[in-house]
Amino acid sequence: MCGYLGSISNEVIDDVDFDKANSHNICRGPDETIIKNINEDEFSFSNSNYKNLQAFNRLAIVELSNLGSQPMFSKKYKTSILFNGEIFNHIELRAELEKEGLIFSSKNSDTEVLLLGLSKYGVNFIDKVIGQFSITFFDYSEDSVYLIRDRLGQKPLFYNLSQKSLNVSTNLKSLIHLDSDYEIDKNSIFEYLDIGVVSSPNTLFKNIFKVEPGEVIKFKISENITKEFTKKYWSLERFIDNKEFQKNDFFKILENSVKIRNIADVPVACFLSGGIDSSTIVKMLSDSKQNLNTFSVSHKDGKYDESYWFNQVVSKYQTNHTTSQISESITSKEILESIEIYDEPYSDPSSFPSYKIAKKISKKYKAAISGDGGDELLGGYTRINQIMNRKKALNALKFIYKIYPAFMGTGNFFLRNSSNTTEAYNSYFSDHKFLKILDVKHYKSSNYFIDVSSNLYKNLIISDYKLYLSEMMMLKVDRTSMANSLEVRSPFVDHRLIEYILSSDSSYVEKASSKKFFKEYLLEDFSNDFVNRTKMGFVFNLEDWIYKNKNEVLSSLRNGKISNFINTNKLNLLFLYKSRINANRLWKIYTLEKYLISLDS
């Protein structure tokens, strides 16, 4: 994992400003920082007016020598690459390329595999790649630049474009520091206050965009810089089919997915919540005779503590285990530290324990395996079952939503049985009542339900992949880990597993409990109580922190930058009616305010 910044411009690029902009990426790659002004004959664009500055910050996981350093160049093809991420099948791809006569300088660099593969075969080479990545590929022979993001959005990639410059980065704030005239997009502010993130391809800023998951964008560098094309090289909808599900085939893919993510030139650890997903991965690694290093978060507050369960896994597989404990009294300093790591606003309070455990792991390890994506893969979220079995006869309850007091909650319960599936699905994410409290008007909301199949279950999991996993969960996993210079690898987010699930008959899911096959697998070693307990989630006592810190939260919001966009006068209502929902609302706007303040630093 790494972080990078690139600028192509026919205007002066100030070295000090560029260095400051790159500073936001250093946490992603503290092992080595290289900043180059690319001006050699074989690595320059035809229009010599363009300056090309590239900064790369490396976290060395494979090919630890300087043969893995970036930017990496190919004199033969007149190409170069900036690559953030990990290619898990690079050994096999290297062997294929060597059979084609390509010669490698390194022994084990996945970056060099990408560079030579893309140089020889073009962007279609990405179809062969198993991994998580954000790539900027320069082809100087054709005056082109390609931006490529992985299929599920595990790694971030941002860009802004004008006629005379193209800036790209793995960190949004880096681009802001290169453009002091940035302008905040009000609709993006409102989307964030509605669902807690700004969804791709937009960001909080006009004219700065995210490359979407599974997307390639090509830019042409000529008299002006133009976007030549945008295309999706991978999309979930392409794989919808109704083939017979074979448990053994599914587990073969999963076993390989886990195995290849445990390969590195540095030791690898494992996240362990004690839930079905992380426990399945730990058991699979243990069954393959791996020595395991596991990490968990415990809570002094028993309401949120799962130590009873993860300790069973530790005991069973005799792992080398570390537990990080969250106390009942969390300081403002701890909270602010976890908020300030984000280069774009993010509102899920589970980011706090996620950040805490990533910080603990990073003291000993550079890479760790997580169970993220298991719920999306096998329909583990409660909302899936609720929407599929909603009582459409209760559709009439929607009239209560209209009169439900906004300060008492979202009112979304009254939309959950809507006969309109889009309305029912959006009710699990949107909070239009909150926008009403804030006097938000003229907000153009989005529909997040993807209706591409006659199979409702597959529509729901595709919707979850596109919104919840790609836009929310992967953002949290990436930022909390990379803020601590830790690479996280998620076997359940392997695109081969997702393709298999989407192409298979899903009747087994609709008729049986979610994660049936993982539970059967774990029953070899654990009790029914272990595998069938209620899912707790990765949280902390948010209500307690928000309401104990009322004065600090309220004063920062009333006098803050957010008041330029919304009416904050009614926020005291959320303190009068204390609830988890209102605590989440206050957290959402509090984290946004802290983000807006950070833009000046």
Foldseek 3Di string as FASTA:
>chain_A
DWKKKKKKFLDDQDPVLLVVLCVLGQLQAVPDKDKDFDDDPLQDAPPNSIIMIMIIGHLAWAQNDCLQDDQDADSVQSKTKDKDWDFLCQVVLVVVVVVVVDDGPTDIHSRVSVLVQCSVPNPLSCVVTWIFMWMWMARRVQQKIKTAGAQLQLFWKKWFFDFGMIMIISFLLSVCSSPVPWDFDLLQVVQCLWFNARAAQDARTPRMGIQAHQKMWMWHDDNTIDTPDMDRPDALLVQAAAAADDPVVLVVLLLVLLVSQCDTPWHEAEEFALALQSLLSLVSCLVVVHAHEYEYEAEPPPLQGDCVRRVLSCVLSVHNYDYHYDYQDDDPVLVLVLLVLHSGGGQDQLLSVLLVRLLVVLVPGQEYEYRPQQCLLFVVDPLLLLLVPADCVLLVLVVVQVVPQLLQFQSLVSQCNHPPSQSNVCSVGTRVSLCVLFVDPPHDDDRLQADSDPDSSLSVSSSCSNDVRNGHVSSSNVRSNSSSNHHYRYSSPGVVSSSSSSNHRCVVSNVDPTPVVSLVVCVVPDDPCSHPPDDNDSHHDLLVVCLVCVVVLLVCQCPFPCVVNTHSPSLVSLNVNRDPRSSSSSSSSSSVRSSVVVSVD
